[in-house]
Every structure is written in structure tokens, then in C-alpha cells.
């Protein structure tokens, strides 16, 4: 659905969407076993993209593509590029930071957290996130989109920052009593059901990713 709407809006919309999902798929397979071992006890989902993740990362972009079909305007290009830049920045930061970033720290408390913990950041991951935002900015510029490069890149960076802050504060957090370990899983990797330990129940990683994309779209639009 996301792909069909994007391609219907024009070849450049499809190209931008492919830029995210091809790079995300490639990075998810890079050091896949090592990353799975590091984040397995914490994260709910692995490298395979399910429908929820596709909508979380590409839904706002698809809405912008649909808007450009129904009511053509430059604002849709700014929103679409900003949304995709944010999703790409977050994805690159997660994939590369998990693989090469070492032990992350919470963006809020500054304390070391387990790899895979939402709101955890590393220098390598942050640099990768900036790279992802710049990447979409370049692709949009090459496609001659009427959206300033700086607006797209800054929208992407702002969205990724919002993702980390929301992940560390409002995203649902859970606790395994048996392992005495924080996790995001309803059932821990040890097989023990977990309990709610913080954040808002039901606000999972997909919801936070959707918010990340929305922030990227709005910031890029405002800066444009």
C-alpha cells in the first residue's frame, strides 16, 4: 500500500521510498547475528520489517504522497522528505550504533543502558543518524524536489532526536522479575512474562517511530 501510493505520486516518490527501505534492509543484515545477540533480550522485533514497522516509518511519507496527488503543492514534498529523512536517520542510527557503537547511554539520564534500549544513544549511532538525514536530503535534491536541503536534513535530525527522547521517557518499559532486567518484550527472552515498569502502556516502538516521522515532516515544512 505504501509503495503503490508513493509510485502513483511519481517516480521520484518511489525512488525516495526505496532509498530508505533498501538502505535499511542492507544495514539490518550487516552483522545481523552480533546485533541479535546484543539486543535480543530487550527489543520486541528483529531485522525483518513487518506491516507495523513499514507504516510507522513510511506512513507519513505515504500520506504526503497521497496529498501531492489529490492537491498538488510544494508543501507535500517538504513533508515527505522530512518524514523519510527522520525515519532514515533513526534507522541508520539504530543499525550502525547497535553494531559498532559500544554501550549506549540514556539521552535523558546519561547513564549506561543495555544495547537496544529505547532512548539509548552512542556517538557512532548519532553520527550515523546525521548521515541518514543527509542521505535523504541528497536524494531529494537529486530528484529536484522543491524542498531545501537544509530543511530536509534538519527535519530528519529533529525527528531522530524526538524518537530518542520519547523512547527514553514515554515509551512503554517492562521488567523481567526472574532476570531482574529491563526489557520491551511482553515475554522476556528467558520465557518469563514481564510487567509494566514505566512509560505509557501501549506506546510501543512503532508508535514512537511514527512520531519521529511526523516530527521530521513538520520541522522540514516549517523550515521550508
N, C-alpha and C. Protein backbone atom coordinates (compact mmCIF):
# COMPACT_ATOMS: atom_id res chain seq x y z
N UNK A 1 0.83 -1.21 0.00
CA UNK A 1 0.00 0.00 0.00
C UNK A 1 0.86 1.26 0.00
N UNK A 2 1.86 1.29 0.88
CA UNK A 2 2.75 2.45 0.94
C UNK A 2 3.49 2.62 -0.38
N UNK A 3 3.97 1.52 -0.93
CA UNK A 3 4.71 1.59 -2.18
C UNK A 3 3.85 2.01 -3.35
N UNK A 4 2.63 1.48 -3.41
CA UNK A 4 1.73 1.81 -4.51
C UNK A 4 1.36 3.29 -4.51
N UNK A 5 1.04 3.82 -3.34
CA UNK A 5 0.70 5.25 -3.25
C UNK A 5 1.90 6.10 -3.65
N UNK A 6 3.08 5.73 -3.19
CA UNK A 6 4.28 6.52 -3.49
C UNK A 6 4.59 6.53 -4.97
N UNK A 7 4.52 5.36 -5.61
CA UNK A 7 4.82 5.29 -7.04
C UNK A 7 3.75 6.02 -7.86
N UNK A 8 2.50 5.96 -7.38
CA UNK A 8 1.43 6.68 -8.08
C UNK A 8 1.67 8.19 -8.07
N UNK A 9 2.36 8.68 -7.03
CA UNK A 9 2.66 10.11 -6.94
C UNK A 9 3.77 10.53 -7.89
N UNK A 10 4.54 9.58 -8.40
CA UNK A 10 5.62 9.91 -9.33
C UNK A 10 6.86 9.09 -9.06
N UNK A 11 7.71 8.97 -10.08
CA UNK A 11 8.89 8.12 -9.93
C UNK A 11 9.79 8.58 -8.80
N UNK A 12 9.88 9.89 -8.58
CA UNK A 12 10.79 10.39 -7.54
C UNK A 12 10.31 10.00 -6.15
N UNK A 13 9.00 9.94 -5.94
CA UNK A 13 8.46 9.50 -4.65
C UNK A 13 8.85 8.05 -4.41
N UNK A 14 8.71 7.22 -5.45
CA UNK A 14 9.11 5.83 -5.32
C UNK A 14 10.60 5.68 -5.06
N UNK A 15 11.40 6.52 -5.71
CA UNK A 15 12.85 6.45 -5.54
C UNK A 15 13.26 6.79 -4.11
N UNK A 16 12.63 7.83 -3.54
CA UNK A 16 12.95 8.20 -2.16
C UNK A 16 12.57 7.09 -1.19
N UNK A 17 11.39 6.50 -1.40
CA UNK A 17 10.97 5.42 -0.52
C UNK A 17 11.93 4.24 -0.60
N UNK A 18 12.34 3.89 -1.81
CA UNK A 18 13.30 2.80 -1.97
C UNK A 18 14.64 3.13 -1.31
N UNK A 19 15.02 4.40 -1.30
CA UNK A 19 16.27 4.79 -0.66
C UNK A 19 16.27 4.43 0.81
N UNK A 20 15.12 4.63 1.47
CA UNK A 20 15.02 4.24 2.88
C UNK A 20 15.04 2.72 3.04
N UNK A 21 14.14 2.04 2.35
CA UNK A 21 13.97 0.62 2.64
C UNK A 21 15.12 -0.25 2.11
N UNK A 22 15.75 0.14 1.02
CA UNK A 22 16.91 -0.62 0.56
C UNK A 22 18.09 -0.44 1.52
N UNK A 23 18.32 0.80 1.95
CA UNK A 23 19.43 1.04 2.89
C UNK A 23 19.14 0.38 4.23
N UNK A 24 17.88 0.43 4.68
CA UNK A 24 17.51 -0.19 5.95
C UNK A 24 17.69 -1.69 5.89
N UNK A 25 17.28 -2.30 4.79
CA UNK A 25 17.41 -3.75 4.65
C UNK A 25 18.88 -4.16 4.61
N UNK A 26 19.69 -3.39 3.90
CA UNK A 26 21.12 -3.71 3.82
C UNK A 26 21.78 -3.59 5.20
N UNK A 27 21.47 -2.51 5.91
CA UNK A 27 22.09 -2.31 7.22
C UNK A 27 21.60 -3.34 8.25
N UNK A 28 20.34 -3.77 8.13
CA UNK A 28 19.82 -4.75 9.09
C UNK A 28 20.52 -6.09 8.94
N UNK A 29 21.04 -6.38 7.74
CA UNK A 29 21.73 -7.64 7.51
C UNK A 29 23.22 -7.54 7.82
N UNK A 30 23.70 -6.34 8.04
CA UNK A 30 25.12 -6.15 8.37
C UNK A 30 25.35 -6.52 9.83
N UNK A 31 26.13 -7.55 10.07
CA UNK A 31 26.37 -8.01 11.44
C UNK A 31 25.11 -8.47 12.13
N UNK A 32 24.23 -9.11 11.38
CA UNK A 32 22.90 -9.46 11.90
C UNK A 32 22.97 -10.32 13.16
N UNK A 33 23.84 -11.31 13.16
CA UNK A 33 23.92 -12.21 14.32
C UNK A 33 24.43 -11.48 15.56
N UNK A 34 25.45 -10.64 15.38
CA UNK A 34 26.00 -9.89 16.50
C UNK A 34 24.96 -8.95 17.10
N UNK A 35 24.21 -8.27 16.24
CA UNK A 35 23.18 -7.35 16.73
C UNK A 35 22.07 -8.09 17.44
N UNK A 36 21.68 -9.25 16.91
CA UNK A 36 20.62 -10.03 17.54
C UNK A 36 21.03 -10.47 18.94
N UNK A 37 22.29 -10.85 19.10
CA UNK A 37 22.78 -11.26 20.41
C UNK A 37 22.79 -10.11 21.39
N UNK A 38 23.10 -8.91 20.89
CA UNK A 38 23.21 -7.75 21.78
C UNK A 38 21.85 -7.24 22.23
N UNK A 39 20.88 -7.21 21.31
CA UNK A 39 19.61 -6.57 21.63
C UNK A 39 18.46 -7.54 21.86
N UNK A 40 18.69 -8.84 21.63
CA UNK A 40 17.63 -9.83 21.73
C UNK A 40 16.85 -9.81 23.03
N UNK A 41 17.52 -9.68 24.20
CA UNK A 41 16.76 -9.67 25.45
C UNK A 41 15.90 -8.42 25.65
N UNK A 42 16.13 -7.37 24.84
CA UNK A 42 15.44 -6.09 25.07
C UNK A 42 14.35 -5.84 24.04
N UNK A 43 14.70 -5.93 22.76
CA UNK A 43 13.77 -5.49 21.72
C UNK A 43 12.74 -6.55 21.40
N UNK A 44 11.58 -6.08 20.91
CA UNK A 44 10.48 -6.99 20.59
C UNK A 44 10.67 -7.60 19.21
N UNK A 45 11.13 -6.78 18.24
CA UNK A 45 11.21 -7.22 16.85
C UNK A 45 12.65 -7.30 16.40
N UNK A 46 12.87 -8.15 15.38
CA UNK A 46 14.20 -8.30 14.83
C UNK A 46 14.38 -7.48 13.57
N UNK A 47 15.24 -7.97 12.66
CA UNK A 47 15.57 -7.22 11.46
C UNK A 47 14.50 -7.24 10.39
N UNK A 48 13.64 -8.26 10.37
CA UNK A 48 12.59 -8.33 9.36
C UNK A 48 11.55 -7.24 9.59
N UNK A 49 11.18 -6.53 8.53
CA UNK A 49 10.19 -5.46 8.65
C UNK A 49 8.78 -6.02 8.54
N UNK A 50 7.95 -5.78 9.54
CA UNK A 50 6.56 -6.20 9.45
C UNK A 50 5.69 -5.00 9.06
N UNK A 51 4.37 -5.24 8.94
CA UNK A 51 3.47 -4.18 8.48
C UNK A 51 3.49 -2.97 9.40
N UNK A 52 3.55 -3.22 10.71
CA UNK A 52 3.57 -2.11 11.67
C UNK A 52 4.79 -1.23 11.48
N UNK A 53 5.95 -1.83 11.27
CA UNK A 53 7.17 -1.06 11.08
C UNK A 53 7.14 -0.28 9.76
N UNK A 54 6.59 -0.90 8.71
CA UNK A 54 6.51 -0.20 7.42
C UNK A 54 5.62 1.03 7.54
N UNK A 55 4.47 0.88 8.19
CA UNK A 55 3.56 2.02 8.36
C UNK A 55 4.16 3.08 9.27
N UNK A 56 4.86 2.64 10.32
CA UNK A 56 5.47 3.59 11.24
C UNK A 56 6.53 4.44 10.55
N UNK A 57 7.31 3.81 9.68
CA UNK A 57 8.40 4.53 9.02
C UNK A 57 8.02 5.16 7.69
N UNK A 58 7.00 4.63 7.03
CA UNK A 58 6.62 5.14 5.72
C UNK A 58 5.23 5.70 5.63
N UNK A 59 4.45 5.62 6.71
CA UNK A 59 3.06 6.06 6.66
C UNK A 59 2.90 7.54 6.41
N UNK A 60 3.66 8.37 7.11
CA UNK A 60 3.56 9.83 6.92
C UNK A 60 4.01 10.20 5.51
N UNK A 61 5.04 9.55 5.03
CA UNK A 61 5.51 9.77 3.66
C UNK A 61 4.41 9.43 2.66
N UNK A 62 3.71 8.31 2.90
CA UNK A 62 2.63 7.91 2.00
C UNK A 62 1.48 8.91 2.03
N UNK A 63 1.19 9.46 3.21
CA UNK A 63 0.14 10.49 3.32
C UNK A 63 0.54 11.72 2.50
N UNK A 64 1.81 12.10 2.59
CA UNK A 64 2.29 13.25 1.81
C UNK A 64 2.20 12.96 0.31
N UNK A 65 2.54 11.72 -0.08
CA UNK A 65 2.44 11.34 -1.50
C UNK A 65 1.00 11.41 -1.97
N UNK A 66 0.08 10.93 -1.14
CA UNK A 66 -1.34 10.99 -1.50
C UNK A 66 -1.81 12.44 -1.60
N UNK A 67 -1.32 13.28 -0.69
CA UNK A 67 -1.66 14.70 -0.74
C UNK A 67 -1.19 15.35 -2.02
N UNK A 68 0.00 14.95 -2.50
CA UNK A 68 0.52 15.54 -3.73
C UNK A 68 -0.28 15.11 -4.95
N UNK A 69 -0.96 13.96 -4.85
CA UNK A 69 -1.82 13.51 -5.95
C UNK A 69 -3.14 14.27 -5.93
N UNK A 70 -3.72 14.40 -4.76
CA UNK A 70 -5.06 14.98 -4.63
C UNK A 70 -5.06 16.50 -4.69
N UNK A 71 -4.01 17.12 -4.12
CA UNK A 71 -3.95 18.59 -4.08
C UNK A 71 -2.50 19.02 -4.25
N UNK A 72 -1.99 18.98 -5.48
CA UNK A 72 -0.57 19.26 -5.72
C UNK A 72 -0.10 20.57 -5.09
N UNK A 73 1.01 20.49 -4.35
CA UNK A 73 1.58 21.66 -3.69
C UNK A 73 3.00 21.32 -3.24
N UNK A 74 3.92 22.29 -3.22
CA UNK A 74 5.28 22.04 -2.74
C UNK A 74 5.35 21.58 -1.28
N UNK A 75 4.30 21.88 -0.49
CA UNK A 75 4.37 21.52 0.93
C UNK A 75 4.46 20.01 1.10
N UNK A 76 3.86 19.24 0.21
CA UNK A 76 3.89 17.79 0.34
C UNK A 76 5.30 17.25 0.16
N UNK A 77 6.08 17.89 -0.70
CA UNK A 77 7.46 17.46 -0.92
C UNK A 77 8.30 17.69 0.33
N UNK A 78 8.12 18.83 0.96
CA UNK A 78 8.86 19.12 2.19
C UNK A 78 8.48 18.13 3.29
N UNK A 79 7.18 17.88 3.44
CA UNK A 79 6.73 16.95 4.47
C UNK A 79 7.20 15.53 4.19
N UNK A 80 7.09 15.10 2.93
CA UNK A 80 7.51 13.76 2.59
C UNK A 80 8.99 13.54 2.80
N UNK A 81 9.80 14.49 2.35
CA UNK A 81 11.25 14.35 2.50
C UNK A 81 11.65 14.41 3.97
N UNK A 82 11.04 15.33 4.74
CA UNK A 82 11.36 15.41 6.16
C UNK A 82 10.99 14.16 6.92
N UNK A 83 9.82 13.60 6.60
CA UNK A 83 9.38 12.37 7.25
C UNK A 83 10.34 11.23 6.96
N UNK A 84 10.72 11.09 5.70
CA UNK A 84 11.60 10.00 5.32
C UNK A 84 13.01 10.20 5.86
N UNK A 85 13.47 11.46 5.92
CA UNK A 85 14.79 11.74 6.48
C UNK A 85 14.84 11.35 7.95
N UNK A 86 13.75 11.60 8.68
CA UNK A 86 13.71 11.25 10.10
C UNK A 86 13.73 9.74 10.28
N UNK A 87 12.94 9.03 9.49
CA UNK A 87 12.91 7.57 9.60
C UNK A 87 14.25 6.97 9.21
N UNK A 88 14.89 7.52 8.19
CA UNK A 88 16.19 7.02 7.77
C UNK A 88 17.25 7.30 8.83
N UNK A 89 17.22 8.50 9.39
CA UNK A 89 18.19 8.84 10.44
C UNK A 89 18.04 7.91 11.63
N UNK A 90 16.81 7.66 12.05
CA UNK A 90 16.58 6.77 13.18
C UNK A 90 17.03 5.35 12.88
N UNK A 91 16.72 4.87 11.67
CA UNK A 91 17.09 3.51 11.29
C UNK A 91 18.60 3.35 11.21
N UNK A 92 19.28 4.27 10.54
CA UNK A 92 20.74 4.18 10.43
C UNK A 92 21.39 4.26 11.81
N UNK A 93 20.89 5.15 12.65
CA UNK A 93 21.46 5.28 13.99
C UNK A 93 21.32 3.99 14.78
N UNK A 94 20.16 3.35 14.67
CA UNK A 94 19.91 2.11 15.40
C UNK A 94 20.79 0.98 14.89
N UNK A 95 20.79 0.79 13.58
CA UNK A 95 21.51 -0.35 13.00
C UNK A 95 23.02 -0.23 13.18
N UNK A 96 23.57 0.93 12.86
CA UNK A 96 25.03 1.12 12.95
C UNK A 96 25.46 1.29 14.40
N UNK A 97 24.68 2.03 15.18
CA UNK A 97 25.03 2.21 16.58
C UNK A 97 25.02 0.91 17.35
N UNK A 98 24.06 0.03 17.07
CA UNK A 98 23.99 -1.26 17.74
C UNK A 98 25.20 -2.11 17.39
N UNK A 99 25.62 -2.05 16.14
CA UNK A 99 26.72 -2.90 15.68
C UNK A 99 28.08 -2.40 16.15
N UNK A 100 28.32 -1.10 16.08
CA UNK A 100 29.67 -0.56 16.32
C UNK A 100 29.75 0.48 17.42
N UNK A 101 28.64 0.82 18.05
CA UNK A 101 28.65 1.96 18.96
C UNK A 101 29.05 1.67 20.39
N UNK A 102 29.21 0.39 20.76
CA UNK A 102 29.54 0.09 22.14
C UNK A 102 28.31 0.22 23.04
N UNK A 103 28.54 0.46 24.31
CA UNK A 103 27.44 0.57 25.27
C UNK A 103 26.80 1.94 25.20
N UNK A 104 25.48 2.00 24.94
CA UNK A 104 24.80 3.29 24.83
C UNK A 104 24.53 3.91 26.19
N UNK A 105 24.25 5.21 26.18
CA UNK A 105 23.81 5.91 27.39
C UNK A 105 22.42 6.49 27.12
N UNK A 106 21.64 6.66 28.17
CA UNK A 106 20.32 7.25 28.04
C UNK A 106 20.44 8.71 27.66
N UNK A 107 19.67 9.15 26.68
CA UNK A 107 19.72 10.55 26.26
C UNK A 107 19.19 11.47 27.36
N UNK A 108 18.42 10.94 28.30
CA UNK A 108 17.86 11.73 29.39
C UNK A 108 18.73 11.71 30.63
N UNK A 109 19.09 10.52 31.10
CA UNK A 109 19.82 10.42 32.37
C UNK A 109 21.33 10.41 32.20
N UNK A 110 21.81 10.04 31.03
CA UNK A 110 23.25 9.94 30.81
C UNK A 110 23.85 8.66 31.36
N UNK A 111 23.02 7.78 31.92
CA UNK A 111 23.50 6.51 32.48
C UNK A 111 23.59 5.45 31.39
N UNK A 112 24.51 4.51 31.58
CA UNK A 112 24.67 3.42 30.62
C UNK A 112 23.43 2.53 30.66
N UNK A 113 22.94 2.18 29.48
CA UNK A 113 21.78 1.29 29.36
C UNK A 113 22.14 0.12 28.46
N UNK A 114 21.33 -0.92 28.51
CA UNK A 114 21.59 -2.11 27.70
C UNK A 114 21.42 -1.78 26.22
N UNK A 115 22.24 -2.39 25.34
CA UNK A 115 22.05 -2.19 23.90
C UNK A 115 20.63 -2.55 23.48
N UNK A 116 20.05 -1.71 22.65
CA UNK A 116 18.68 -1.93 22.20
C UNK A 116 17.65 -1.18 23.00
N UNK A 117 18.05 -0.60 24.14
CA UNK A 117 17.12 0.16 24.97
C UNK A 117 16.70 1.44 24.26
N UNK A 118 15.39 1.68 24.16
CA UNK A 118 14.90 2.90 23.52
C UNK A 118 15.38 4.12 24.29
N UNK A 119 15.85 5.13 23.57
CA UNK A 119 16.40 6.32 24.21
C UNK A 119 17.88 6.23 24.48
N UNK A 120 18.47 5.06 24.18
CA UNK A 120 19.92 4.91 24.34
C UNK A 120 20.65 5.39 23.10
N UNK A 121 21.70 6.16 23.28
CA UNK A 121 22.44 6.72 22.15
C UNK A 121 23.93 6.45 22.29
N UNK A 122 24.63 6.47 21.16
CA UNK A 122 26.09 6.38 21.13
C UNK A 122 26.61 7.43 20.16
N UNK A 123 27.88 7.74 20.24
CA UNK A 123 28.47 8.70 19.32
C UNK A 123 28.41 8.18 17.89
N UNK A 124 28.73 6.89 17.71
CA UNK A 124 28.71 6.30 16.37
C UNK A 124 27.29 6.30 15.81
N UNK A 125 26.32 5.92 16.66
CA UNK A 125 24.94 5.90 16.22
C UNK A 125 24.42 7.29 15.86
N UNK A 126 24.80 8.28 16.66
CA UNK A 126 24.37 9.65 16.39
C UNK A 126 24.93 10.14 15.06
N UNK A 127 26.21 9.85 14.82
CA UNK A 127 26.83 10.24 13.55
C UNK A 127 26.15 9.54 12.38
N UNK A 128 25.80 8.27 12.57
CA UNK A 128 25.10 7.53 11.52
C UNK A 128 23.73 8.13 11.25
N UNK A 129 23.05 8.57 12.32
CA UNK A 129 21.75 9.20 12.16
C UNK A 129 21.83 10.48 11.34
N UNK A 130 22.83 11.29 11.63
CA UNK A 130 23.04 12.52 10.85
C UNK A 130 23.31 12.16 9.39
N UNK A 131 24.10 11.10 9.19
CA UNK A 131 24.38 10.65 7.84
C UNK A 131 23.12 10.23 7.10
N UNK A 132 22.22 9.55 7.80
CA UNK A 132 20.97 9.13 7.18
C UNK A 132 20.11 10.30 6.77
N UNK A 133 20.03 11.33 7.62
CA UNK A 133 19.26 12.53 7.29
C UNK A 133 19.86 13.24 6.08
N UNK A 134 21.19 13.36 6.05
CA UNK A 134 21.86 13.99 4.91
C UNK A 134 21.65 13.19 3.63
N UNK A 135 21.63 11.87 3.76
CA UNK A 135 21.45 10.99 2.61
C UNK A 135 20.12 11.27 1.91
N UNK A 136 19.04 11.35 2.68
CA UNK A 136 17.73 11.63 2.08
C UNK A 136 17.70 13.05 1.52
N UNK A 137 18.38 13.98 2.20
CA UNK A 137 18.47 15.33 1.67
C UNK A 137 19.13 15.35 0.30
N UNK A 138 20.17 14.56 0.12
CA UNK A 138 20.87 14.49 -1.16
C UNK A 138 19.97 13.85 -2.22
N UNK A 139 19.30 12.75 -1.85
CA UNK A 139 18.42 12.07 -2.81
C UNK A 139 17.30 13.00 -3.26
N UNK A 140 16.71 13.75 -2.31
CA UNK A 140 15.64 14.69 -2.65
C UNK A 140 16.17 15.80 -3.58
N UNK A 141 17.38 16.25 -3.31
CA UNK A 141 17.98 17.29 -4.16
C UNK A 141 18.24 16.77 -5.57
N UNK A 142 18.74 15.55 -5.67
CA UNK A 142 19.00 14.94 -6.98
C UNK A 142 17.70 14.74 -7.76
N UNK A 143 16.60 14.53 -7.03
CA UNK A 143 15.29 14.37 -7.67
C UNK A 143 14.63 15.71 -7.99
N UNK A 144 15.36 16.81 -7.70
CA UNK A 144 14.85 18.17 -7.95
C UNK A 144 13.56 18.46 -7.20
N UNK A 145 13.49 17.98 -5.98
CA UNK A 145 12.31 18.27 -5.15
C UNK A 145 12.36 19.72 -4.67
N UNK A 146 11.21 20.40 -4.62
CA UNK A 146 11.16 21.79 -4.14
C UNK A 146 11.18 21.87 -2.62
N UNK A 147 12.20 21.29 -2.03
CA UNK A 147 12.37 21.30 -0.57
C UNK A 147 13.83 21.60 -0.29
N UNK A 148 14.14 22.64 0.47
CA UNK A 148 15.53 22.98 0.75
C UNK A 148 16.29 21.83 1.41
N UNK A 149 17.51 21.62 0.95
CA UNK A 149 18.34 20.54 1.50
C UNK A 149 18.46 20.66 3.02
N UNK A 150 18.73 21.87 3.51
CA UNK A 150 18.93 22.07 4.95
C UNK A 150 17.67 21.75 5.73
N UNK A 151 16.51 22.11 5.17
CA UNK A 151 15.25 21.83 5.85
C UNK A 151 15.02 20.33 5.98
N UNK A 152 15.31 19.59 4.92
CA UNK A 152 15.13 18.13 4.95
C UNK A 152 16.09 17.50 5.95
N UNK A 153 17.36 17.89 5.90
CA UNK A 153 18.36 17.31 6.79
C UNK A 153 18.07 17.63 8.26
N UNK A 154 17.71 18.88 8.53
CA UNK A 154 17.41 19.27 9.91
C UNK A 154 16.12 18.62 10.39
N UNK A 155 15.14 18.47 9.50
CA UNK A 155 13.93 17.76 9.86
C UNK A 155 14.23 16.33 10.24
N UNK A 156 15.10 15.69 9.48
CA UNK A 156 15.50 14.32 9.80
C UNK A 156 16.19 14.21 11.13
N UNK A 157 17.11 15.13 11.40
CA UNK A 157 17.83 15.11 12.68
C UNK A 157 16.88 15.38 13.84
N UNK A 158 15.95 16.31 13.66
CA UNK A 158 14.98 16.63 14.72
C UNK A 158 14.07 15.45 15.01
N UNK A 159 13.65 14.75 13.96
CA UNK A 159 12.80 13.58 14.15
C UNK A 159 13.51 12.48 14.91
N UNK A 160 14.77 12.23 14.56
CA UNK A 160 15.54 11.19 15.25
C UNK A 160 15.76 11.57 16.71
N UNK A 161 16.00 12.86 16.97
CA UNK A 161 16.16 13.32 18.36
C UNK A 161 14.86 13.11 19.14
N UNK A 162 13.73 13.44 18.51
CA UNK A 162 12.44 13.24 19.17
C UNK A 162 12.21 11.77 19.46
N UNK A 163 12.62 10.91 18.56
CA UNK A 163 12.48 9.46 18.76
C UNK A 163 13.23 9.02 20.01
N UNK A 164 14.46 9.49 20.17
CA UNK A 164 15.26 9.11 21.34
C UNK A 164 14.66 9.63 22.63
N UNK A 165 14.19 10.88 22.61
CA UNK A 165 13.62 11.47 23.83
C UNK A 165 12.33 10.75 24.22
N UNK A 166 11.46 10.51 23.25
CA UNK A 166 10.22 9.79 23.54
C UNK A 166 10.50 8.36 23.99
N UNK A 167 11.50 7.73 23.37
CA UNK A 167 11.86 6.37 23.74
C UNK A 167 12.35 6.27 25.17
N UNK A 168 13.03 7.32 25.64
CA UNK A 168 13.57 7.30 27.00
C UNK A 168 12.57 7.75 28.05
N UNK A 169 11.48 8.36 27.63
CA UNK A 169 10.54 8.94 28.60
C UNK A 169 9.16 8.31 28.56
N UNK A 170 8.48 8.37 27.42
CA UNK A 170 7.08 7.96 27.34
C UNK A 170 6.86 6.55 26.82
N UNK A 171 7.83 6.00 26.08
CA UNK A 171 7.63 4.65 25.53
C UNK A 171 7.49 3.63 26.65
N UNK A 172 6.62 2.67 26.43
CA UNK A 172 6.36 1.63 27.42
C UNK A 172 7.64 0.86 27.76
N UNK A 173 7.89 0.69 29.05
CA UNK A 173 9.04 -0.09 29.52
C UNK A 173 8.53 -1.23 30.40
N UNK A 174 9.21 -2.36 30.31
CA UNK A 174 8.77 -3.53 31.05
C UNK A 174 9.93 -4.11 31.85
N UNK A 175 9.63 -5.06 32.75
CA UNK A 175 10.63 -5.61 33.67
C UNK A 175 10.43 -7.11 33.81
N UNK A 176 11.53 -7.83 33.72
CA UNK A 176 11.51 -9.28 33.96
C UNK A 176 11.94 -9.54 35.40
N UNK A 177 11.02 -10.06 36.19
CA UNK A 177 11.33 -10.32 37.60
C UNK A 177 12.38 -11.41 37.76
N UNK A 178 12.34 -12.42 36.91
CA UNK A 178 13.28 -13.54 37.04
C UNK A 178 14.71 -13.11 36.78
N UNK A 179 14.90 -12.33 35.72
CA UNK A 179 16.26 -11.90 35.35
C UNK A 179 16.63 -10.56 35.96
N UNK A 180 15.66 -9.88 36.58
CA UNK A 180 15.87 -8.53 37.12
C UNK A 180 16.46 -7.62 36.03
N UNK A 181 15.79 -7.62 34.87
CA UNK A 181 16.29 -6.92 33.70
C UNK A 181 15.18 -6.11 33.04
N UNK A 182 15.52 -4.90 32.61
CA UNK A 182 14.59 -4.08 31.85
C UNK A 182 14.49 -4.61 30.43
N UNK A 183 13.31 -4.51 29.85
CA UNK A 183 13.07 -5.01 28.50
C UNK A 183 11.86 -4.29 27.89
N UNK A 184 11.64 -4.50 26.60
CA UNK A 184 10.44 -4.00 25.95
C UNK A 184 9.53 -5.15 25.55
N UNK A 185 9.92 -6.36 25.88
CA UNK A 185 9.18 -7.55 25.47
C UNK A 185 8.09 -7.91 26.46
N UNK A 186 6.94 -8.35 25.94
CA UNK A 186 5.88 -8.84 26.81
C UNK A 186 6.29 -10.14 27.50
N UNK A 187 7.04 -10.95 26.78
CA UNK A 187 7.63 -12.18 27.33
C UNK A 187 9.13 -12.08 27.12
N UNK A 188 9.90 -12.11 28.21
CA UNK A 188 11.35 -11.94 28.11
C UNK A 188 11.97 -13.11 27.37
N UNK A 189 13.21 -12.95 26.93
CA UNK A 189 13.91 -14.00 26.20
C UNK A 189 14.10 -15.26 27.03
N UNK A 190 13.96 -15.13 28.36
CA UNK A 190 14.06 -16.31 29.22
C UNK A 190 12.75 -17.08 29.28
N UNK A 191 11.69 -16.51 28.70
CA UNK A 191 10.39 -17.16 28.71
C UNK A 191 9.44 -16.67 29.79
N UNK A 192 9.89 -15.71 30.60
CA UNK A 192 9.07 -15.19 31.70
C UNK A 192 8.23 -14.00 31.26
N UNK A 193 6.90 -14.01 31.53
CA UNK A 193 6.09 -12.83 31.24
C UNK A 193 6.59 -11.63 32.03
N UNK A 194 6.60 -10.47 31.41
CA UNK A 194 7.13 -9.27 32.06
C UNK A 194 5.99 -8.39 32.54
N UNK A 195 6.32 -7.40 33.37
CA UNK A 195 5.32 -6.47 33.90
C UNK A 195 5.65 -5.05 33.45
N UNK A 196 4.61 -4.21 33.40
CA UNK A 196 4.79 -2.81 33.06
C UNK A 196 5.65 -2.14 34.12
N UNK A 197 6.67 -1.39 33.68
CA UNK A 197 7.60 -0.78 34.64
C UNK A 197 7.82 0.70 34.38
N UNK A 198 7.09 1.28 33.45
CA UNK A 198 7.27 2.70 33.19
C UNK A 198 6.74 3.07 31.82
N UNK A 199 6.68 4.37 31.57
CA UNK A 199 6.16 4.85 30.30
C UNK A 199 4.66 4.65 30.18
N UNK A 200 4.15 4.82 28.99
CA UNK A 200 2.71 4.69 28.74
C UNK A 200 2.43 3.31 28.14
N UNK A 201 1.56 2.57 28.79
CA UNK A 201 1.19 1.25 28.28
C UNK A 201 0.63 1.38 26.87
N UNK A 202 1.10 0.55 25.97
CA UNK A 202 0.62 0.58 24.59
C UNK A 202 1.42 1.48 23.67
N UNK A 203 2.24 2.36 24.23
CA UNK A 203 3.08 3.22 23.39
C UNK A 203 4.36 2.46 23.08
N UNK A 204 4.32 1.69 22.00
CA UNK A 204 5.46 0.84 21.67
C UNK A 204 6.41 1.54 20.70
N UNK A 205 7.41 0.79 20.25
CA UNK A 205 8.43 1.37 19.38
C UNK A 205 7.87 1.83 18.04
N UNK A 206 6.88 1.12 17.52
CA UNK A 206 6.27 1.53 16.25
C UNK A 206 5.59 2.90 16.40
N UNK A 207 4.89 3.11 17.51
CA UNK A 207 4.23 4.39 17.74
C UNK A 207 5.25 5.52 17.85
N UNK A 208 6.36 5.25 18.53
CA UNK A 208 7.41 6.26 18.66
C UNK A 208 8.05 6.55 17.31
N UNK A 209 8.24 5.52 16.49
CA UNK A 209 8.80 5.74 15.16
C UNK A 209 7.86 6.58 14.29
N UNK A 210 6.56 6.36 14.44
CA UNK A 210 5.60 7.18 13.70
C UNK A 210 5.68 8.64 14.14
N UNK A 211 5.85 8.86 15.45
CA UNK A 211 6.01 10.23 15.95
C UNK A 211 7.29 10.86 15.42
N UNK A 212 8.36 10.06 15.35
CA UNK A 212 9.64 10.53 14.79
C UNK A 212 9.44 11.03 13.37
N UNK A 213 8.74 10.25 12.56
CA UNK A 213 8.48 10.62 11.17
C UNK A 213 7.63 11.88 11.07
N UNK A 214 6.64 11.99 11.96
CA UNK A 214 5.77 13.16 11.97
C UNK A 214 6.54 14.43 12.32
N UNK A 215 7.40 14.34 13.33
CA UNK A 215 8.22 15.49 13.72
C UNK A 215 9.12 15.91 12.56
N UNK A 216 9.73 14.94 11.89
CA UNK A 216 10.58 15.25 10.74
C UNK A 216 9.82 15.99 9.66
N UNK A 217 8.59 15.54 9.40
CA UNK A 217 7.76 16.18 8.37
C UNK A 217 7.41 17.62 8.75
N UNK A 218 7.03 17.84 9.99
CA UNK A 218 6.61 19.17 10.42
C UNK A 218 7.78 20.15 10.47
N UNK A 219 8.94 19.68 10.97
CA UNK A 219 10.11 20.56 11.04
C UNK A 219 10.57 20.96 9.65
N UNK A 220 10.61 19.98 8.75
CA UNK A 220 11.02 20.29 7.37
C UNK A 220 10.05 21.27 6.72
N UNK A 221 8.75 21.10 6.99
CA UNK A 221 7.75 22.01 6.44
C UNK A 221 7.93 23.42 6.98
N UNK A 222 8.13 23.55 8.27
CA UNK A 222 8.30 24.87 8.89
C UNK A 222 9.57 25.56 8.38
N UNK A 223 10.63 24.80 8.22
CA UNK A 223 11.90 25.38 7.76
C UNK A 223 11.88 25.71 6.27
N UNK A 224 10.93 25.11 5.58
CA UNK A 224 10.83 25.37 4.13
C UNK A 224 10.04 26.66 3.84
